[in-house]
Amino acid sequence: MKLLKNIAFVFIVYLVAGCSPAKKKVPVVGFIDAFEDATIAQARAGFTDALKKGGYSEADKTVKIEYRNGQGSIPNVIQIANYFIHKPVDLLATCTTLSTLAAVQKTKTIPIFAMVSPTPERMKLIEMNTGAPANLFGAVEDLAYIDTSFLLIPQLLKPKMGKLTVGIVYNDAEPQSADALRQIRALAEKNNINILATPVVTSADAQLVTKSLLDKNIDAFFALPDNVVFASFETIVKSCDEKYVPIFTSEAGLVKRGAVVAFGADMYQWGYQAGEQAVQYLNNNSTKGLQPEMVKVRNRVFNPTVAAKYHIAIPANFKTVK
């Protein structure tokens, strides 16, 4: 009888355990950053804040975010993408073009939420029969805004004679950088502005290339949406300051680091927007209704210290950079 009671007790324990709700699996996010950069880091902060607001917090153990940085090396970024895909993670977050391209090339199934990346068209990811990759989502950017950004130069410098000469460094291996330069050249021709553009391959080259441009008596430097520019911006600022040449840019995050003004995407909000899409996916376990969408928040910002240094009057509709 005692044996029967013990068997009955064990049976009841298993029955209760079987009826208990299963422990919810904690989703894993693989975050791929292409390189270390203070401006780009704002996008990562926005992405994780969006996850937290949506109920996915590492502190609460409702999500696990594995972060890897490629340190500007293409082989490193590809290796990181392979690692996350074979793990596998539940979704990928990619920051900057290099990370997004590596992820898209390595997986067609794991959802990719991109930020600080151009449109699929500008990344050359549109296939004739299938369109953009079916697993690519997040917030992307085209170059429609860059005309406004570039034309801040003649608007604020107000040349009194001759034509302005603007220096640019660019990495033609980056689609958005090469496309931006082509668009700026066409715009400059229409607005009596001379462009001096020099290619740069790595951030280590930036100082020498920038100094070479500055020796040609440029009136202003324009910082493109270019990863090499982001990574070497302090070097560019130092060289331009020594020659008393103001920096204009299309990237709002670079104003805090020494540019005069910008009209461009807010990096934090860019990441936040991609994070909101990731939350929607995690909530529904479905990508239905999601697609790459244009970045929503652009700002006109200025650096008051730099503007004062170069005696540039800033319009009232510009905000002080934070």
Protein backbone atom coordinates (compact mmCIF):
# COMPACT_ATOMS: atom_id res chain seq x y z
CA MET A 1 0.00 0.00 0.00
CA LYS A 2 2.86 2.35 0.86
CA LEU A 3 4.43 1.63 -2.53
CA LEU A 4 1.17 2.50 -4.27
CA LYS A 5 0.96 5.78 -2.33
CA ASN A 6 4.53 6.68 -3.37
CA ILE A 7 3.78 5.90 -7.00
CA ALA A 8 0.64 8.02 -6.85
CA PHE A 9 2.60 10.92 -5.31
CA VAL A 10 5.27 10.77 -8.02
CA PHE A 11 2.55 10.66 -10.70
CA ILE A 12 0.86 13.75 -9.27
CA VAL A 13 4.21 15.64 -9.17
CA TYR A 14 4.86 14.88 -12.84
CA LEU A 15 1.29 15.82 -13.73
CA VAL A 16 1.57 19.20 -11.99
CA ALA A 17 4.97 19.84 -13.58
CA GLY A 18 3.56 18.99 -16.97
CA CYS A 19 0.72 21.46 -16.52
CA SER A 20 3.03 24.30 -15.42
CA PRO A 21 3.67 26.95 -18.06
CA ALA A 22 6.92 26.39 -19.96
CA LYS A 23 9.69 28.87 -19.28
CA LYS A 24 9.74 31.45 -22.05
CA LYS A 25 12.85 31.35 -24.21
CA VAL A 26 14.96 34.49 -23.90
CA PRO A 27 15.58 35.84 -27.42
CA VAL A 28 19.17 36.47 -28.47
CA VAL A 29 20.13 39.50 -30.56
CA GLY A 30 23.40 39.49 -32.44
CA PHE A 31 24.58 43.10 -32.80
CA ILE A 32 27.27 43.68 -35.45
CA ASP A 33 29.10 47.01 -35.34
CA ALA A 34 31.59 47.66 -38.13
CA PHE A 35 33.99 49.86 -36.17
CA GLU A 36 34.50 51.91 -33.01
CA ASP A 37 33.10 55.40 -33.36
CA ALA A 38 31.46 57.86 -30.96
CA THR A 39 28.88 59.01 -33.50
CA ILE A 40 27.89 55.52 -34.63
CA ALA A 41 27.66 54.39 -30.99
CA GLN A 42 24.59 56.61 -30.60
CA ALA A 43 22.67 54.31 -32.95
CA ARG A 44 23.43 51.29 -30.80
CA ALA A 45 22.21 53.17 -27.72
CA GLY A 46 18.97 54.06 -29.51
CA PHE A 47 18.43 50.46 -30.61
CA THR A 48 18.88 49.00 -27.12
CA ASP A 49 16.69 51.72 -25.58
CA ALA A 50 13.89 50.85 -28.03
CA LEU A 51 14.19 47.19 -27.05
CA LYS A 52 14.04 48.13 -23.37
CA LYS A 53 10.96 50.29 -23.84
CA GLY A 54 9.35 47.40 -25.72
CA GLY A 55 9.93 45.04 -22.79
CA TYR A 56 13.23 43.50 -23.83
CA SER A 57 15.88 44.39 -21.27
CA GLU A 58 19.12 42.64 -20.43
CA ALA A 59 18.79 43.87 -16.85
CA ASP A 60 15.43 42.09 -16.57
CA LYS A 61 16.79 39.07 -18.46
CA THR A 62 14.08 39.35 -21.09
CA VAL A 63 16.62 39.54 -23.91
CA LYS A 64 20.28 38.74 -24.45
CA ILE A 65 22.26 41.10 -26.67
CA GLU A 66 25.56 39.75 -27.91
CA TYR A 67 27.70 42.60 -29.18
CA ARG A 68 30.66 42.27 -31.53
CA ASN A 69 32.73 45.00 -33.22
CA GLY A 70 34.65 44.41 -36.44
CA GLN A 71 37.17 47.19 -35.66
CA GLY A 72 36.98 48.38 -39.28
CA SER A 73 38.14 45.06 -40.72
CA ILE A 74 36.02 43.42 -43.44
CA PRO A 75 37.28 39.89 -42.56
CA ASN A 76 36.41 40.53 -38.90
CA VAL A 77 32.88 41.67 -39.76
CA ILE A 78 32.31 38.62 -41.98
CA GLN A 79 33.62 36.34 -39.23
CA ILE A 80 31.24 37.94 -36.71
CA ALA A 81 28.30 37.49 -39.07
CA ASN A 82 29.21 33.82 -39.53
CA TYR A 83 29.48 33.34 -35.77
CA PHE A 84 26.04 34.78 -35.07
CA ILE A 85 24.40 32.89 -37.92
CA HIS A 86 25.80 29.54 -36.87
CA LYS A 87 25.00 30.14 -33.21
CA PRO A 88 22.20 30.92 -34.25
CA VAL A 89 20.75 34.18 -32.90
CA ASP A 90 17.06 35.10 -33.17
CA LEU A 91 17.76 38.31 -35.05
CA LEU A 92 20.66 40.41 -36.27
CA ALA A 93 21.14 44.13 -35.69
CA THR A 94 23.61 45.70 -38.11
CA CYS A 95 25.19 49.11 -37.74
CA THR A 96 26.64 50.73 -40.85
CA THR A 97 26.72 49.47 -44.41
CA LEU A 98 29.58 47.01 -44.02
CA SER A 99 27.79 45.09 -41.26
CA THR A 100 24.51 45.05 -43.17
CA LEU A 101 26.10 43.79 -46.37
CA ALA A 102 27.99 41.05 -44.53
CA ALA A 103 24.81 39.85 -42.81
CA VAL A 104 22.69 39.91 -45.98
CA GLN A 105 25.31 37.92 -47.87
CA LYS A 106 25.52 35.27 -45.16
CA THR A 107 21.88 34.58 -44.27
CA LYS A 108 18.54 34.62 -46.06
CA THR A 109 16.50 33.47 -43.06
CA ILE A 110 17.51 35.33 -39.89
CA PRO A 111 15.79 38.77 -39.77
CA ILE A 112 18.27 41.65 -40.15
CA PHE A 113 17.45 45.04 -38.64
CA ALA A 114 19.76 47.59 -40.22
CA MET A 115 20.70 51.08 -39.08
CA VAL A 116 23.16 53.71 -40.34
CA SER A 117 22.89 52.03 -43.74
CA PRO A 118 21.65 53.23 -47.14
CA THR A 119 18.64 51.88 -48.99
CA PRO A 120 18.85 48.40 -50.54
CA GLU A 121 19.09 50.10 -53.95
CA ARG A 122 22.18 52.05 -52.92
CA MET A 123 23.71 48.92 -51.39
CA LYS A 124 23.17 47.19 -54.77
CA LEU A 125 20.95 44.59 -53.10
CA ILE A 126 17.99 44.72 -55.49
CA GLU A 127 17.59 41.55 -57.55
CA MET A 128 15.66 41.75 -60.82
CA ASN A 129 13.19 39.00 -59.93
CA THR A 130 13.05 39.14 -56.13
CA GLY A 131 13.66 42.79 -55.18
CA ALA A 132 15.31 43.56 -51.83
CA PRO A 133 16.36 40.69 -49.55
CA ALA A 134 13.25 39.27 -47.87
CA ASN A 135 14.94 39.21 -44.45
CA LEU A 136 16.19 42.82 -44.49
CA PHE A 137 14.37 45.35 -42.30
CA GLY A 138 15.23 48.36 -40.13
CA ALA A 139 15.82 52.03 -40.94
CA VAL A 140 17.76 53.11 -44.03
CA GLU A 141 18.67 56.37 -45.76
CA ASP A 142 18.84 57.69 -49.29
CA LEU A 143 20.62 60.85 -50.42
CA ALA A 144 17.62 63.15 -50.86
CA TYR A 145 18.69 65.21 -47.85
CA ILE A 146 22.29 65.79 -48.87
CA ASP A 147 21.50 68.68 -51.24
CA THR A 148 20.15 70.68 -48.29
CA SER A 149 23.22 69.76 -46.23
CA PHE A 150 25.75 70.77 -48.87
CA LEU A 151 24.05 74.05 -49.76
CA LEU A 152 24.50 75.21 -46.18
CA ILE A 153 28.07 76.06 -47.23
CA PRO A 154 27.30 78.94 -49.63
CA GLN A 155 24.30 79.92 -47.50
CA LEU A 156 26.41 80.43 -44.36
CA LEU A 157 29.79 81.44 -45.81
CA LYS A 158 28.20 83.90 -48.29
CA PRO A 159 31.12 84.32 -50.68
CA LYS A 160 31.62 87.89 -51.85
CA MET A 161 33.84 87.16 -54.85
CA GLY A 162 34.73 84.26 -57.09
CA LYS A 163 33.59 80.73 -56.34
CA LEU A 164 33.94 78.64 -53.21
CA THR A 165 36.26 75.66 -53.19
CA VAL A 166 35.16 72.73 -51.05
CA GLY A 167 37.39 69.80 -50.11
CA ILE A 168 36.08 66.27 -49.72
CA VAL A 169 37.64 62.91 -48.87
CA TYR A 170 35.77 59.76 -49.85
CA ASN A 171 36.08 56.00 -49.93
CA ASP A 172 34.85 54.79 -53.31
CA ALA A 173 34.50 51.26 -51.90
CA GLU A 174 31.47 52.51 -49.96
CA PRO A 175 28.37 52.83 -52.18
CA GLN A 176 26.80 55.70 -50.23
CA SER A 177 30.06 57.65 -50.22
CA ALA A 178 30.61 57.35 -53.97
CA ASP A 179 26.95 58.12 -54.69
CA ALA A 180 27.01 61.15 -52.39
CA LEU A 181 30.08 62.53 -54.12
CA ARG A 182 28.46 62.18 -57.56
CA GLN A 183 25.37 63.98 -56.34
CA ILE A 184 27.42 66.76 -54.74
CA ARG A 185 29.51 67.28 -57.88
CA ALA A 186 26.35 67.82 -59.94
CA LEU A 187 24.93 70.17 -57.32
CA ALA A 188 28.20 72.12 -57.04
CA GLU A 189 28.34 72.68 -60.80
CA LYS A 190 24.88 74.25 -60.71
CA ASN A 191 25.84 76.51 -57.81
CA ASN A 192 29.25 77.78 -58.96
CA ILE A 193 31.18 75.74 -56.37
CA ASN A 194 34.49 74.04 -57.08
CA ILE A 195 34.97 70.52 -55.66
CA LEU A 196 38.36 69.06 -54.79
CA ALA A 197 37.86 65.39 -53.88
CA THR A 198 40.55 62.92 -52.89
CA PRO A 199 40.08 59.19 -52.27
CA VAL A 200 40.99 57.68 -48.92
CA VAL A 201 41.17 53.94 -48.21
CA THR A 202 41.62 53.72 -44.45
CA SER A 203 41.42 56.04 -41.46
CA ALA A 204 45.22 55.87 -41.26
CA ASP A 205 45.37 57.74 -44.60
CA ALA A 206 42.99 60.49 -43.52
CA GLN A 207 45.50 62.90 -42.00
CA LEU A 208 47.82 62.93 -45.01
CA VAL A 209 44.96 63.20 -47.51
CA THR A 210 43.22 65.98 -45.56
CA LYS A 211 46.43 67.98 -45.23
CA SER A 212 46.96 67.63 -48.97
CA LEU A 213 43.51 69.12 -49.62
CA LEU A 214 44.08 71.93 -47.14
CA ASP A 215 47.31 72.88 -48.91
CA LYS A 216 45.17 73.70 -51.96
CA ASN A 217 43.48 76.58 -50.13
CA ILE A 218 39.98 75.19 -49.82
CA ASP A 219 37.31 77.41 -48.26
CA ALA A 220 35.44 74.61 -46.49
CA PHE A 221 35.57 70.87 -45.90
CA PHE A 222 32.48 68.71 -46.40
CA ALA A 223 32.30 65.47 -44.39
CA LEU A 224 30.44 62.80 -46.34
CA PRO A 225 28.40 59.90 -44.89
CA ASP A 226 31.48 57.72 -45.04
CA ASN A 227 32.77 55.18 -42.50
CA VAL A 228 36.39 56.24 -42.99
CA VAL A 229 35.38 59.86 -42.30
CA PHE A 230 33.54 58.79 -39.14
CA ALA A 231 36.50 56.77 -37.89
CA SER A 232 39.07 59.51 -38.52
CA PHE A 233 37.01 62.60 -37.81
CA GLU A 234 39.09 63.92 -34.91
CA THR A 235 42.13 63.86 -37.17
CA ILE A 236 40.22 65.74 -39.88
CA VAL A 237 39.02 68.35 -37.38
CA LYS A 238 42.54 68.91 -36.03
CA SER A 239 43.96 69.44 -39.52
CA CYS A 240 41.14 71.77 -40.57
CA ASP A 241 41.37 73.82 -37.38
CA GLU A 242 45.09 74.34 -37.94
CA LYS A 243 44.32 75.84 -41.37
CA TYR A 244 41.21 77.69 -40.14
CA VAL A 245 38.88 75.79 -42.50
CA PRO A 246 35.32 75.10 -41.25
CA ILE A 247 33.76 71.65 -41.62
CA PHE A 248 30.21 71.18 -42.87
CA THR A 249 28.48 67.81 -42.94
CA SER A 250 25.31 65.86 -43.60
CA GLU A 251 25.75 63.88 -40.36
CA ALA A 252 24.29 65.47 -37.24
CA GLY A 253 26.45 63.32 -34.98
CA LEU A 254 29.64 64.88 -36.35
CA VAL A 255 28.68 68.38 -35.23
CA LYS A 256 29.29 67.51 -31.59
CA ARG A 257 32.74 66.30 -32.64
CA GLY A 258 33.77 69.54 -34.36
CA ALA A 259 31.76 70.31 -37.49
CA VAL A 260 29.98 73.68 -37.66
CA VAL A 261 26.50 72.60 -38.79
CA ALA A 262 24.60 69.69 -40.27
CA PHE A 263 21.28 68.72 -41.66
CA GLY A 264 21.01 64.98 -41.33
CA ALA A 265 19.79 61.92 -39.52
CA ASP A 266 19.83 61.81 -35.73
CA MET A 267 21.96 58.73 -35.03
CA TYR A 268 20.23 57.85 -31.76
CA GLN A 269 16.79 58.07 -33.36
CA TRP A 270 18.03 56.07 -36.35
CA GLY A 271 18.95 53.18 -34.07
CA TYR A 272 15.77 53.63 -32.05
CA GLN A 273 13.66 53.34 -35.19
CA ALA A 274 15.37 50.05 -36.14
CA GLY A 275 14.88 48.85 -32.55
CA GLU A 276 11.15 49.52 -32.73
CA GLN A 277 10.92 47.18 -35.70
CA ALA A 278 12.91 44.54 -33.82
CA VAL A 279 10.44 44.79 -30.91
CA GLN A 280 7.53 44.25 -33.29
CA TYR A 281 9.22 41.12 -34.60
CA LEU A 282 9.98 39.77 -31.12
CA ASN A 283 6.41 40.43 -29.97
CA ASN A 284 4.81 38.65 -32.90
CA ASN A 285 7.54 36.20 -33.91
CA SER A 286 6.74 37.36 -37.43
CA THR A 287 8.09 39.89 -39.93
CA LYS A 288 4.67 40.45 -41.48
CA GLY A 289 4.18 44.13 -42.21
CA LEU A 290 7.86 44.97 -41.78
CA GLN A 291 10.16 46.36 -44.46
CA PRO A 292 13.17 48.66 -44.70
CA GLU A 293 11.84 52.16 -44.00
CA MET A 294 13.35 55.57 -44.46
CA VAL A 295 14.89 57.17 -41.41
CA LYS A 296 12.30 59.48 -39.89
CA VAL A 297 14.22 62.00 -37.76
CA ARG A 298 16.60 64.52 -39.31
CA ASN A 299 17.88 67.56 -37.47
CA ARG A 300 19.38 70.94 -38.25
CA VAL A 301 22.05 71.30 -35.58
CA PHE A 302 25.07 73.51 -34.94
CA ASN A 303 28.04 73.64 -32.62
CA PRO A 304 28.04 77.11 -30.98
CA THR A 305 31.72 76.97 -30.02
CA VAL A 306 32.84 76.11 -33.55
CA ALA A 307 30.42 78.59 -35.13
CA ALA A 308 31.84 81.37 -32.92
CA LYS A 309 35.40 80.38 -33.79
CA TYR A 310 34.70 80.78 -37.51
CA HIS A 311 32.40 83.81 -37.05
CA ILE A 312 29.50 82.03 -38.79
CA ALA A 313 25.99 83.32 -38.07
CA ILE A 314 23.59 80.41 -37.61
CA PRO A 315 19.87 80.66 -38.61
CA ALA A 316 17.30 80.54 -35.83
CA ASN A 317 15.82 77.21 -37.00
CA PHE A 318 19.02 75.33 -36.04
CA LYS A 319 19.27 73.59 -32.68
CA THR A 320 22.35 73.53 -30.47
CA VAL A 321 23.94 70.10 -30.65
CA LYS A 322 23.59 68.00 -27.50
